Amino acid sequence: MRELIELLIAHGVLLVFLVTLAARAGLPLPAAPMLVVVGGLAAEGQLSGSASLVAAVLANIGGDVIWFVAGRRHGYRVMKLLCRISLSPDACVRQSEGLILRWGGQALLAAKFLPGVSVVAAPMAGALGFSWQRFIAYDFVAGLLWSGTFLLLGWMLSDQIQQVLDMLASAGFFALVALALIVVGLVLRRLWQRRRFARRIVGARITVAEAAALQDSGAGPVFIDVRAAGGRAVDPRHIAGALLLEIDQLKAQAARLPRDRELVLYCNCPNEVSAALAVTVLAEQGLPRARALVGGLDAWAQAGRAVVADQSPI
């Protein structure tokens, strides 16, 4: 453990840059806690606080630019990827959409401090057409605020941080074991939360073939697009004739939905997460004939079924 602390002191600025860059690119590395420790070491004169701040800000911008470019080039496909790897699939994407549509570039400032949303905000800004100048300007300020906050916190708690580092250095092997157990515990907690979330969205589903057969037979299923407005802005396609209702609007609109027809809800996210959540909402409103479309909008389009790009309100 002492060697690791000496490594941090010797190469602190480089480690700040690399760890922060990797964290902004999406890897689960503890960039914020590391900045707190670096701030404490800077207060003791063992590291350069200004150099660490510059390194952290540059790494923030570099990592966010990677996702911003991906969002500009690939749009909703990047959102779908992030939705797939998120702890609460699609939830962080919806939150980021809402922030950016409501606050514009200022949302990038708040997003830095919101777990999950922070990684999604940059590609969402790219997908929604932010200019390079606007994105870099807001991201610079956001990176400066985020990095400065944690470095300043470490500076203020320098005495306590130094005591912890001394204790870890003395503990040696046992400290490494304790840190490893903490990491394992965090991973297990995340897996448990993911499993609990998965149990919540178990609901009725319908395949594209089944939904198409209903439509072709004249049974007239009602298709409902439950994607958020930001998601539809990034990917304006929707099934011909579908109602455009976000999950938050379903309760208010439930009374207007027919109870004698099949309701086919769809999104464009892994495992039909949003659609499955919407099915549970409608079931609570007395509409048990609602089902989530397996594969969502992409599967429907790939099957050669009618998809249009105009957005008419309900």
Protein backbone atom coordinates (compact mmCIF):
# COMPACT_ATOMS: atom_id res chain seq x y z
CA MET A 1 0.00 0.00 0.00
CA ARG A 2 2.84 2.37 0.76
CA GLU A 3 4.16 1.80 -2.78
CA LEU A 4 0.78 2.74 -4.25
CA ILE A 5 0.71 5.96 -2.28
CA GLU A 6 4.26 6.79 -3.38
CA LEU A 7 3.20 6.06 -6.97
CA LEU A 8 0.30 8.50 -6.63
CA ILE A 9 2.61 11.19 -5.27
CA ALA A 10 5.24 10.59 -7.96
CA HIS A 11 2.84 10.47 -10.92
CA GLY A 12 -0.21 12.16 -9.46
CA VAL A 13 -0.94 14.58 -12.28
CA LEU A 14 -0.64 11.88 -14.95
CA LEU A 15 -2.84 9.52 -12.93
CA VAL A 16 -5.41 12.28 -12.48
CA PHE A 17 -5.55 12.75 -16.24
CA LEU A 18 -5.70 9.04 -17.13
CA VAL A 19 -8.23 8.00 -14.47
CA THR A 20 -10.48 11.01 -15.13
CA LEU A 21 -10.31 10.48 -18.89
CA ALA A 22 -11.22 6.81 -18.50
CA ALA A 23 -14.07 7.65 -16.12
CA ARG A 24 -15.48 10.26 -18.50
CA ALA A 25 -15.24 7.74 -21.33
CA GLY A 26 -17.49 5.42 -19.30
CA LEU A 27 -15.21 3.11 -17.32
CA PRO A 28 -16.23 2.58 -13.67
CA LEU A 29 -13.17 4.22 -12.11
CA PRO A 30 -13.29 6.34 -8.91
CA ALA A 31 -12.19 9.64 -10.42
CA ALA A 32 -13.96 11.85 -7.88
CA PRO A 33 -12.54 10.11 -4.76
CA MET A 34 -9.09 10.22 -6.33
CA LEU A 35 -9.40 13.97 -6.84
CA VAL A 36 -10.31 14.36 -3.17
CA VAL A 37 -7.15 12.49 -2.18
CA VAL A 38 -5.08 14.53 -4.65
CA GLY A 39 -6.52 17.73 -3.17
CA GLY A 40 -5.41 16.60 0.27
CA LEU A 41 -1.90 15.82 -0.98
CA ALA A 42 -1.76 19.19 -2.77
CA ALA A 43 -2.59 20.96 0.49
CA GLU A 44 0.45 19.24 2.06
CA GLY A 45 2.68 20.35 -0.81
CA GLN A 46 3.17 16.81 -2.12
CA LEU A 47 1.42 17.48 -5.44
CA SER A 48 0.68 20.47 -7.64
CA GLY A 49 -2.94 21.45 -7.16
CA SER A 50 -3.03 23.73 -10.21
CA ALA A 51 -1.48 21.09 -12.49
CA SER A 52 -3.94 18.50 -11.17
CA LEU A 53 -6.85 20.85 -11.88
CA VAL A 54 -5.67 21.46 -15.45
CA ALA A 55 -5.20 17.72 -16.00
CA ALA A 56 -8.67 16.91 -14.66
CA VAL A 57 -10.37 19.59 -16.78
CA LEU A 58 -8.59 18.48 -19.96
CA ALA A 59 -9.46 14.84 -19.22
CA ASN A 60 -13.11 15.80 -18.68
CA ILE A 61 -13.26 17.56 -22.01
CA GLY A 62 -11.38 14.77 -23.78
CA GLY A 63 -13.64 12.02 -22.47
CA ASP A 64 -16.82 13.98 -23.17
CA VAL A 65 -15.68 14.82 -26.71
CA ILE A 66 -15.44 11.10 -27.47
CA TRP A 67 -19.11 10.62 -26.60
CA PHE A 68 -20.14 13.94 -28.17
CA VAL A 69 -18.68 12.88 -31.53
CA ALA A 70 -20.32 9.46 -31.20
CA GLY A 71 -23.67 11.12 -30.53
CA ARG A 72 -23.34 13.42 -33.55
CA ARG A 73 -22.39 10.56 -35.88
CA HIS A 74 -24.54 7.71 -34.64
CA GLY A 75 -27.45 9.37 -32.82
CA TYR A 76 -29.93 6.99 -31.23
CA ARG A 77 -27.63 3.97 -31.68
CA VAL A 78 -25.26 5.48 -29.10
CA MET A 79 -28.20 6.16 -26.79
CA LYS A 80 -29.21 2.53 -27.15
CA LEU A 81 -25.70 1.39 -26.23
CA LEU A 82 -25.66 3.56 -23.13
CA CYS A 83 -29.12 2.36 -22.23
CA ARG A 84 -27.84 -1.22 -22.44
CA ILE A 85 -24.91 -0.71 -20.04
CA SER A 86 -26.72 1.57 -17.60
CA LEU A 87 -27.60 0.36 -14.10
CA SER A 88 -31.19 1.54 -14.67
CA PRO A 89 -31.55 1.04 -18.42
CA ASP A 90 -33.17 3.92 -20.28
CA ALA A 91 -33.82 5.87 -17.05
CA CYS A 92 -30.58 7.84 -17.24
CA VAL A 93 -31.17 8.50 -20.92
CA ARG A 94 -34.64 9.91 -20.22
CA GLN A 95 -33.26 12.08 -17.40
CA SER A 96 -30.52 13.43 -19.66
CA GLU A 97 -33.04 14.13 -22.43
CA GLY A 98 -35.22 16.06 -20.01
CA LEU A 99 -32.33 18.09 -18.64
CA ILE A 100 -30.97 19.08 -22.04
CA LEU A 101 -34.34 19.84 -23.62
CA ARG A 102 -35.30 22.00 -20.63
CA TRP A 103 -32.01 23.74 -19.86
CA GLY A 104 -29.94 23.41 -23.03
CA GLY A 105 -26.19 23.78 -22.53
CA GLN A 106 -26.65 24.60 -18.85
CA ALA A 107 -27.74 21.00 -18.35
CA LEU A 108 -24.14 19.92 -18.94
CA LEU A 109 -23.19 21.75 -15.74
CA ALA A 110 -25.69 19.87 -13.59
CA ALA A 111 -25.14 16.55 -15.36
CA LYS A 112 -21.52 16.36 -14.15
CA PHE A 113 -22.74 15.79 -10.61
CA LEU A 114 -25.50 13.28 -11.44
CA PRO A 115 -24.36 9.62 -11.52
CA GLY A 116 -25.43 7.87 -14.71
CA VAL A 117 -26.63 11.05 -16.38
CA SER A 118 -23.12 12.50 -16.52
CA VAL A 119 -21.92 10.06 -19.19
CA VAL A 120 -25.16 10.25 -21.19
CA ALA A 121 -25.31 14.06 -21.40
CA ALA A 122 -22.41 14.47 -23.84
CA PRO A 123 -23.64 12.05 -26.54
CA MET A 124 -27.17 13.36 -26.09
CA ALA A 125 -25.92 16.89 -26.73
CA GLY A 126 -24.21 15.65 -29.88
CA ALA A 127 -27.27 13.74 -31.06
CA LEU A 128 -29.49 16.78 -30.50
CA GLY A 129 -27.25 18.95 -32.68
CA PHE A 130 -25.27 21.10 -30.26
CA SER A 131 -22.58 23.13 -32.02
CA TRP A 132 -18.93 22.40 -31.24
CA GLN A 133 -18.38 25.87 -29.80
CA ARG A 134 -21.39 25.67 -27.52
CA PHE A 135 -20.53 22.19 -26.30
CA ILE A 136 -16.85 22.93 -25.59
CA ALA A 137 -17.70 26.16 -23.77
CA TYR A 138 -20.24 24.56 -21.44
CA ASP A 139 -18.17 21.41 -20.99
CA PHE A 140 -15.11 23.45 -20.02
CA VAL A 141 -17.04 25.28 -17.32
CA ALA A 142 -18.66 22.03 -16.15
CA GLY A 143 -15.30 20.25 -15.99
CA LEU A 144 -13.78 23.16 -14.09
CA LEU A 145 -16.60 23.17 -11.53
CA TRP A 146 -16.58 19.39 -11.10
CA SER A 147 -12.81 19.04 -10.80
CA GLY A 148 -12.42 22.12 -8.62
CA THR A 149 -15.16 20.97 -6.25
CA PHE A 150 -13.51 17.65 -5.41
CA LEU A 151 -9.98 19.07 -5.29
CA LEU A 152 -11.16 21.83 -2.95
CA LEU A 153 -12.94 19.28 -0.78
CA GLY A 154 -9.71 17.32 -0.47
CA TRP A 155 -7.80 20.52 0.30
CA MET A 156 -10.21 21.33 3.13
CA LEU A 157 -9.97 17.78 4.54
CA SER A 158 -6.22 17.46 4.06
CA ASP A 159 -5.50 16.59 7.71
CA GLN A 160 -8.05 13.78 7.76
CA ILE A 161 -6.91 12.48 4.36
CA GLN A 162 -3.30 12.41 5.49
CA GLN A 163 -4.28 10.42 8.58
CA VAL A 164 -6.14 7.89 6.43
CA LEU A 165 -3.19 7.56 4.04
CA ASP A 166 -0.80 7.03 6.94
CA MET A 167 -3.10 4.39 8.37
CA LEU A 168 -3.36 2.62 5.00
CA ALA A 169 0.40 2.73 4.56
CA SER A 170 0.88 1.13 7.99
CA ALA A 171 -1.79 -1.50 7.36
CA GLY A 172 -0.09 -2.69 4.17
CA PHE A 173 -1.56 -5.97 2.88
CA PHE A 174 -4.63 -5.77 5.11
CA ALA A 175 -5.52 -2.39 3.65
CA LEU A 176 -5.40 -3.84 0.15
CA VAL A 177 -7.68 -6.69 1.23
CA ALA A 178 -10.10 -4.20 2.79
CA LEU A 179 -10.16 -2.10 -0.39
CA ALA A 180 -10.71 -5.22 -2.49
CA LEU A 181 -13.64 -6.24 -0.29
CA ILE A 182 -15.15 -2.79 -0.64
CA VAL A 183 -14.89 -2.97 -4.44
CA VAL A 184 -16.43 -6.46 -4.47
CA GLY A 185 -19.22 -5.22 -2.23
CA LEU A 186 -19.97 -2.32 -4.56
CA VAL A 187 -20.06 -4.62 -7.58
CA LEU A 188 -22.41 -7.05 -5.81
CA ARG A 189 -24.64 -4.16 -4.77
CA ARG A 190 -24.87 -2.95 -8.36
CA LEU A 191 -25.72 -6.47 -9.56
CA TRP A 192 -28.41 -6.77 -6.89
CA GLN A 193 -29.89 -3.41 -7.89
CA ARG A 194 -29.88 -4.46 -11.57
CA ARG A 195 -31.62 -7.73 -10.70
CA ARG A 196 -34.22 -5.94 -8.60
CA PHE A 197 -34.86 -3.53 -11.47
CA ALA A 198 -35.22 -6.45 -13.89
CA ARG A 199 -37.88 -8.03 -11.68
CA ARG A 200 -39.89 -4.81 -11.80
CA ILE A 201 -40.20 -4.83 -15.58
CA VAL A 202 -41.34 -8.41 -16.07
CA GLY A 203 -44.55 -8.03 -18.04
CA ALA A 204 -46.53 -9.15 -21.06
CA ARG A 205 -44.73 -8.97 -24.40
CA ILE A 206 -45.71 -9.45 -28.02
CA THR A 207 -43.45 -10.32 -30.93
CA VAL A 208 -43.29 -8.34 -34.15
CA ALA A 209 -44.83 -11.28 -36.03
CA GLU A 210 -47.76 -11.46 -33.60
CA ALA A 211 -48.35 -7.70 -33.71
CA ALA A 212 -48.12 -7.69 -37.51
CA ALA A 213 -50.60 -10.56 -37.72
CA LEU A 214 -53.08 -8.63 -35.58
CA GLN A 215 -52.65 -5.57 -37.76
CA ASP A 216 -53.03 -7.53 -41.02
CA SER A 217 -56.09 -9.37 -39.76
CA GLY A 218 -57.92 -6.12 -39.16
CA ALA A 219 -57.94 -6.57 -35.38
CA GLY A 220 -56.53 -3.07 -35.14
CA PRO A 221 -54.02 -3.00 -32.29
CA VAL A 222 -53.21 0.45 -30.94
CA PHE A 223 -49.49 1.18 -31.10
CA ILE A 224 -48.07 3.55 -28.50
CA ASP A 225 -44.60 5.08 -28.73
CA VAL A 226 -43.45 5.60 -25.12
CA ARG A 227 -40.05 7.14 -25.89
CA ALA A 228 -39.25 10.53 -24.36
CA ALA A 229 -39.35 13.63 -26.55
CA GLY A 230 -35.57 13.75 -26.70
CA GLY A 231 -35.43 10.17 -27.94
CA ARG A 232 -37.90 10.95 -30.70
CA ALA A 233 -35.92 14.07 -31.60
CA VAL A 234 -32.80 11.94 -32.05
CA ASP A 235 -34.69 9.20 -33.92
CA PRO A 236 -37.88 10.69 -35.45
CA ARG A 237 -39.17 7.38 -36.82
CA HIS A 238 -42.29 5.81 -35.38
CA ILE A 239 -44.77 3.12 -36.35
CA ALA A 240 -47.41 4.46 -38.71
CA GLY A 241 -50.49 5.53 -36.78
CA ALA A 242 -48.87 5.18 -33.37
CA LEU A 243 -49.83 7.42 -30.47
CA LEU A 244 -46.88 9.38 -29.06
CA LEU A 245 -47.17 9.16 -25.29
CA GLU A 246 -44.31 9.34 -22.84
CA ILE A 247 -44.46 7.13 -19.74
CA ASP A 248 -45.23 10.14 -17.55
CA GLN A 249 -48.28 10.93 -19.70
CA LEU A 250 -49.82 7.46 -19.61
CA LYS A 251 -51.76 7.85 -16.36
CA ALA A 252 -53.40 11.05 -17.55
CA GLN A 253 -54.26 9.54 -20.95
CA ALA A 254 -55.26 6.06 -19.76
CA ALA A 255 -58.99 6.87 -19.73
CA ARG A 256 -58.81 7.75 -23.44
CA LEU A 257 -57.28 4.43 -24.45
CA PRO A 258 -59.61 1.67 -25.72
CA ARG A 259 -60.17 -1.29 -23.43
CA ASP A 260 -61.46 -3.58 -26.17
CA ARG A 261 -58.28 -3.55 -28.30
CA GLU A 262 -54.73 -4.75 -27.92
CA LEU A 263 -52.31 -2.03 -26.85
CA VAL A 264 -48.81 -2.53 -28.24
CA LEU A 265 -46.24 -0.32 -26.52
CA TYR A 266 -42.76 0.11 -27.91
CA CYS A 267 -39.51 1.98 -27.36
CA ASN A 268 -36.04 1.62 -28.83
CA CYS A 269 -34.11 0.42 -25.79
CA PRO A 270 -32.65 -2.94 -24.70
CA ASN A 271 -35.12 -5.52 -23.40
CA GLU A 272 -38.01 -3.16 -24.10
CA VAL A 273 -37.35 -1.52 -20.72
CA SER A 274 -39.44 1.63 -21.18
CA ALA A 275 -42.26 -0.26 -22.89
CA ALA A 276 -42.31 -2.89 -20.13
CA LEU A 277 -42.47 -0.18 -17.47
CA ALA A 278 -45.31 1.45 -19.40
CA VAL A 279 -47.19 -1.87 -19.49
CA THR A 280 -47.11 -2.00 -15.69
CA VAL A 281 -48.39 1.57 -15.52
CA LEU A 282 -51.37 0.76 -17.76
CA ALA A 283 -52.09 -2.45 -15.87
CA GLU A 284 -52.39 -0.37 -12.70
CA GLN A 285 -54.88 1.84 -14.57
CA GLY A 286 -57.09 -1.13 -15.45
CA LEU A 287 -55.72 -1.82 -18.94
CA PRO A 288 -54.44 -5.41 -18.83
CA ARG A 289 -54.35 -5.88 -22.62
CA ALA A 290 -51.19 -3.79 -22.98
CA ARG A 291 -48.04 -5.59 -24.15
CA ALA A 292 -44.48 -4.53 -24.92
CA LEU A 293 -43.21 -5.05 -28.47
CA VAL A 294 -40.21 -7.37 -28.44
CA GLY A 295 -37.25 -5.67 -30.13
CA GLY A 296 -39.05 -2.34 -30.23
CA LEU A 297 -38.99 0.08 -33.14
CA ASP A 298 -35.83 -1.37 -34.69
CA ALA A 299 -37.29 -4.88 -34.87
CA TRP A 300 -40.50 -3.54 -36.43
CA ALA A 301 -38.57 -1.61 -39.09
CA GLN A 302 -36.23 -4.54 -39.80
CA ALA A 303 -39.26 -6.72 -40.44
CA GLY A 304 -40.28 -4.37 -43.24
CA ARG A 305 -43.32 -2.98 -41.44
CA ALA A 306 -44.51 0.60 -41.99
CA VAL A 307 -42.42 3.27 -40.24
CA VAL A 308 -42.83 7.01 -40.74
CA ALA A 309 -40.75 10.00 -39.66
CA ASP A 310 -43.36 12.69 -39.05
CA GLN A 311 -44.43 13.37 -35.46
CA SER A 312 -48.12 14.07 -35.09
CA PRO A 313 -49.47 14.55 -31.55
CA ILE A 314 -52.03 12.29 -29.94
